[in-house]
Amino acid sequence: MNLPNILTILRLLLIPVFIYVFFFFEDNNLLYATGVFFLAGITDGLDGYLARKFQQVTKIGQALDPLADKLMQLTVIISFTIAEILPLWILIVVGIKEGLMILGATILYTRRDKTVIPANKLGKFSTVLFYVAILLIGLDFNVGRYLLITAILITVIAFFRYLRMGLKKLKENKVSK
C-alpha cells in the first residue's frame, strides 16, 4: 500500500469523524466539522499529487479516490440537509447523480479488465468548487450556497461526460470479445 492510497483511506476514515463532530459536538460543531472536511480536502489534493509525482498511480487508487470524494460529499450534503442548512432538492440531485456514478464505476471496475474512467477536468473543477462552497457555508458565508449550486450544475454536466465515456468503454469491451 503506497502513501497516496493511505491518504485516500484516511479520507474515508474522516467520514465518521465528520458525522460525530457535526452531530455530537455541543459548541461550534459546524466550524469543527468544516475543519474535518477541510482536512479531507487536503488529503484529496495531496493523494493525487503524490501519486502522479512519484508514479504511484494504481487502479485501486483510481477507483478509491473518487469513491472517497463521493462518500464525503454525500455525507456533508446529508448532514447539512438534516440540519436544514441545505434544501432537500440538493440532496436528491446529488444523491441520484452520485449513486449512478458509483453504480457505473462498479460495473466497469468489476469487469475482467478492471476499467476505470479517469477523472476529467470538469469533474475535478466541480469537486474543488464543492469543497470551497462547503468551507464558505461552514464559515457562515451565504455566497457558499450559490457556489454549491454552481458546483452541482457543473458536476451534472461532468456526469454526462463520464456517462458517455463509460458507455464507450462498454461498447469497446463488447466489440473486443
Protein backbone atom coordinates (compact mmCIF):
# COMPACT_ATOMS: atom_id res chain seq x y z
CA MET A 1 0.00 0.00 0.00
CA ASN A 2 1.50 3.31 -1.06
CA LEU A 3 1.17 6.72 0.62
CA PRO A 4 -1.40 8.16 -1.83
CA ASN A 5 -3.71 5.18 -1.20
CA ILE A 6 -3.20 5.53 2.57
CA LEU A 7 -4.27 9.20 2.29
CA THR A 8 -7.37 8.14 0.38
CA ILE A 9 -8.23 5.60 3.09
CA LEU A 10 -7.65 8.32 5.70
CA ARG A 11 -10.21 10.45 3.85
CA LEU A 12 -12.69 7.58 4.08
CA LEU A 13 -11.98 7.32 7.82
CA LEU A 14 -12.67 11.05 8.22
CA ILE A 15 -16.30 10.48 7.20
CA PRO A 16 -17.42 9.07 10.58
CA VAL A 17 -15.29 11.74 12.30
CA PHE A 18 -17.18 14.43 10.37
CA ILE A 19 -20.52 12.87 11.34
CA TYR A 20 -19.55 12.66 15.01
CA VAL A 21 -18.29 16.24 15.16
CA PHE A 22 -21.22 17.64 13.19
CA PHE A 23 -23.97 15.95 15.19
CA PHE A 24 -22.49 15.46 18.65
CA PHE A 25 -20.27 18.44 19.42
CA GLU A 26 -22.16 20.96 21.53
CA ASP A 27 -20.38 24.19 20.65
CA ASN A 28 -19.09 25.28 17.24
CA ASN A 29 -19.98 21.92 15.68
CA LEU A 30 -20.31 23.43 12.20
CA LEU A 31 -16.92 25.11 12.46
CA TYR A 32 -15.15 21.95 13.71
CA ALA A 33 -16.93 19.74 11.17
CA THR A 34 -15.81 22.17 8.48
CA GLY A 35 -12.26 21.72 9.79
CA VAL A 36 -12.59 17.94 9.39
CA PHE A 37 -13.94 18.49 5.89
CA PHE A 38 -11.02 20.82 5.12
CA LEU A 39 -8.58 18.12 6.26
CA ALA A 40 -10.34 15.66 3.94
CA GLY A 41 -9.93 18.18 1.12
CA ILE A 42 -6.20 18.43 1.80
CA THR A 43 -5.84 14.64 1.65
CA ASP A 44 -7.81 14.69 -1.61
CA GLY A 45 -5.41 17.10 -3.26
CA LEU A 46 -2.32 15.53 -1.74
CA ASP A 47 -3.05 11.91 -2.67
CA GLY A 48 -3.42 12.71 -6.37
CA TYR A 49 -0.40 14.99 -6.41
CA LEU A 50 1.84 12.40 -4.72
CA ALA A 51 0.55 9.56 -6.89
CA ARG A 52 1.41 11.46 -10.06
CA LYS A 53 4.69 12.96 -8.83
CA PHE A 54 6.13 9.63 -7.66
CA GLN A 55 4.48 7.45 -10.34
CA GLN A 56 2.37 5.66 -7.72
CA VAL A 57 -0.92 5.78 -9.62
CA THR A 58 -2.74 2.47 -9.09
CA LYS A 59 -6.05 1.08 -10.35
CA ILE A 60 -7.27 0.74 -6.76
CA GLY A 61 -6.30 4.36 -6.09
CA GLN A 62 -8.09 5.50 -9.24
CA ALA A 63 -11.19 3.68 -8.02
CA LEU A 64 -11.00 4.57 -4.30
CA ASP A 65 -10.19 8.27 -4.71
CA PRO A 66 -13.42 9.30 -6.45
CA LEU A 67 -15.38 6.92 -4.20
CA ALA A 68 -13.93 8.67 -1.13
CA ASP A 69 -14.82 12.05 -2.67
CA LYS A 70 -18.38 10.99 -3.40
CA LEU A 71 -18.96 9.44 0.02
CA MET A 72 -17.55 12.51 1.80
CA GLN A 73 -19.64 14.85 -0.35
CA LEU A 74 -22.80 12.84 0.24
CA THR A 75 -22.08 12.73 3.97
CA VAL A 76 -21.76 16.51 4.10
CA ILE A 77 -24.87 17.11 1.99
CA ILE A 78 -26.95 14.63 4.02
CA SER A 79 -25.74 16.21 7.27
CA PHE A 80 -26.42 19.75 6.03
CA THR A 81 -29.87 18.69 4.80
CA ILE A 82 -30.76 17.12 8.15
CA ALA A 83 -29.61 20.31 9.89
CA GLU A 84 -31.68 22.36 7.39
CA ILE A 85 -28.61 24.22 6.15
CA LEU A 86 -29.30 22.99 2.61
CA PRO A 87 -32.63 22.27 0.89
CA LEU A 88 -33.67 18.68 0.20
CA TRP A 89 -33.56 19.09 -3.60
CA ILE A 90 -29.76 19.43 -3.48
CA LEU A 91 -29.51 16.08 -1.69
CA ILE A 92 -31.85 14.45 -4.21
CA VAL A 93 -29.96 15.73 -7.28
CA VAL A 94 -26.52 14.91 -5.90
CA GLY A 95 -27.67 11.59 -4.44
CA ILE A 96 -29.07 10.37 -7.76
CA LYS A 97 -26.02 11.55 -9.69
CA GLU A 98 -23.51 10.04 -7.24
CA GLY A 99 -25.47 6.80 -6.95
CA LEU A 100 -25.39 6.42 -10.73
CA MET A 101 -21.67 7.26 -10.80
CA ILE A 102 -20.87 4.65 -8.14
CA LEU A 103 -23.02 2.05 -9.91
CA GLY A 104 -21.39 2.75 -13.27
CA ALA A 105 -17.87 2.73 -11.83
CA THR A 106 -18.59 -0.57 -10.06
CA ILE A 107 -19.89 -2.17 -13.25
CA LEU A 108 -16.81 -1.07 -15.20
CA TYR A 109 -14.32 -1.97 -12.44
CA THR A 110 -15.71 -5.45 -11.81
CA ARG A 111 -15.31 -6.42 -15.47
CA ARG A 112 -12.36 -8.59 -16.43
CA ASP A 113 -10.15 -5.66 -17.48
CA LYS A 114 -10.97 -3.58 -14.35
CA THR A 115 -11.80 -0.48 -16.39
CA VAL A 116 -11.52 2.81 -14.51
CA ILE A 117 -12.70 6.04 -16.11
CA PRO A 118 -10.18 8.69 -15.04
CA ALA A 119 -11.41 11.94 -13.56
CA ASN A 120 -12.00 14.67 -16.12
CA LYS A 121 -11.12 18.33 -15.64
CA LEU A 122 -14.75 19.36 -15.28
CA GLY A 123 -15.31 16.74 -12.59
CA LYS A 124 -12.19 17.86 -10.72
CA PHE A 125 -13.24 21.50 -11.02
CA SER A 126 -16.70 20.75 -9.61
CA THR A 127 -15.08 18.88 -6.70
CA VAL A 128 -12.86 21.88 -5.90
CA LEU A 129 -15.89 24.19 -6.12
CA PHE A 130 -17.80 21.84 -3.82
CA TYR A 131 -15.01 21.93 -1.21
CA VAL A 132 -14.76 25.73 -1.37
CA ALA A 133 -18.56 26.08 -1.16
CA ILE A 134 -18.79 23.83 1.90
CA LEU A 135 -15.95 25.71 3.59
CA LEU A 136 -17.75 29.01 2.95
CA ILE A 137 -21.06 27.59 4.19
CA GLY A 138 -19.26 26.23 7.27
CA LEU A 139 -17.86 29.69 7.93
CA ASP A 140 -21.41 31.06 7.53
CA PHE A 141 -20.95 32.85 4.23
CA ASN A 142 -24.14 32.89 2.12
CA VAL A 143 -22.12 33.00 -1.09
CA GLY A 144 -21.19 29.39 -0.32
CA ARG A 145 -24.75 28.28 -1.10
CA TYR A 146 -24.64 29.89 -4.54
CA LEU A 147 -21.22 28.41 -5.19
CA LEU A 148 -22.57 25.00 -4.18
CA ILE A 149 -25.42 25.27 -6.69
CA THR A 150 -22.85 26.18 -9.36
CA ALA A 151 -20.74 23.17 -8.36
CA ILE A 152 -23.80 20.92 -8.61
CA LEU A 153 -24.64 22.20 -12.10
CA ILE A 154 -21.05 21.59 -13.22
CA THR A 155 -21.00 18.12 -11.66
CA VAL A 156 -24.19 17.19 -13.53
CA ILE A 157 -22.54 18.27 -16.79
CA ALA A 158 -19.44 16.26 -15.84
CA PHE A 159 -21.70 13.28 -15.12
CA PHE A 160 -22.90 13.23 -18.71
CA ARG A 161 -19.28 13.28 -19.90
CA TYR A 162 -18.49 10.32 -17.62
CA LEU A 163 -21.62 8.55 -18.86
CA ARG A 164 -20.55 8.99 -22.47
CA MET A 165 -17.03 7.66 -21.69
CA GLY A 166 -18.42 4.72 -19.71
CA LEU A 167 -20.83 3.70 -22.47
CA LYS A 168 -17.99 3.96 -24.99
CA LYS A 169 -15.82 1.66 -22.83
CA LEU A 170 -18.64 -0.87 -22.50
CA LYS A 171 -19.16 -0.82 -26.26
CA GLU A 172 -15.40 -1.28 -26.86
CA ASN A 173 -15.35 -4.23 -24.45
CA LYS A 174 -18.27 -5.90 -26.26
CA VAL A 175 -16.61 -5.42 -29.65
CA SER A 176 -13.25 -6.82 -28.45
CA LYS A 177 -14.82 -10.03 -27.08
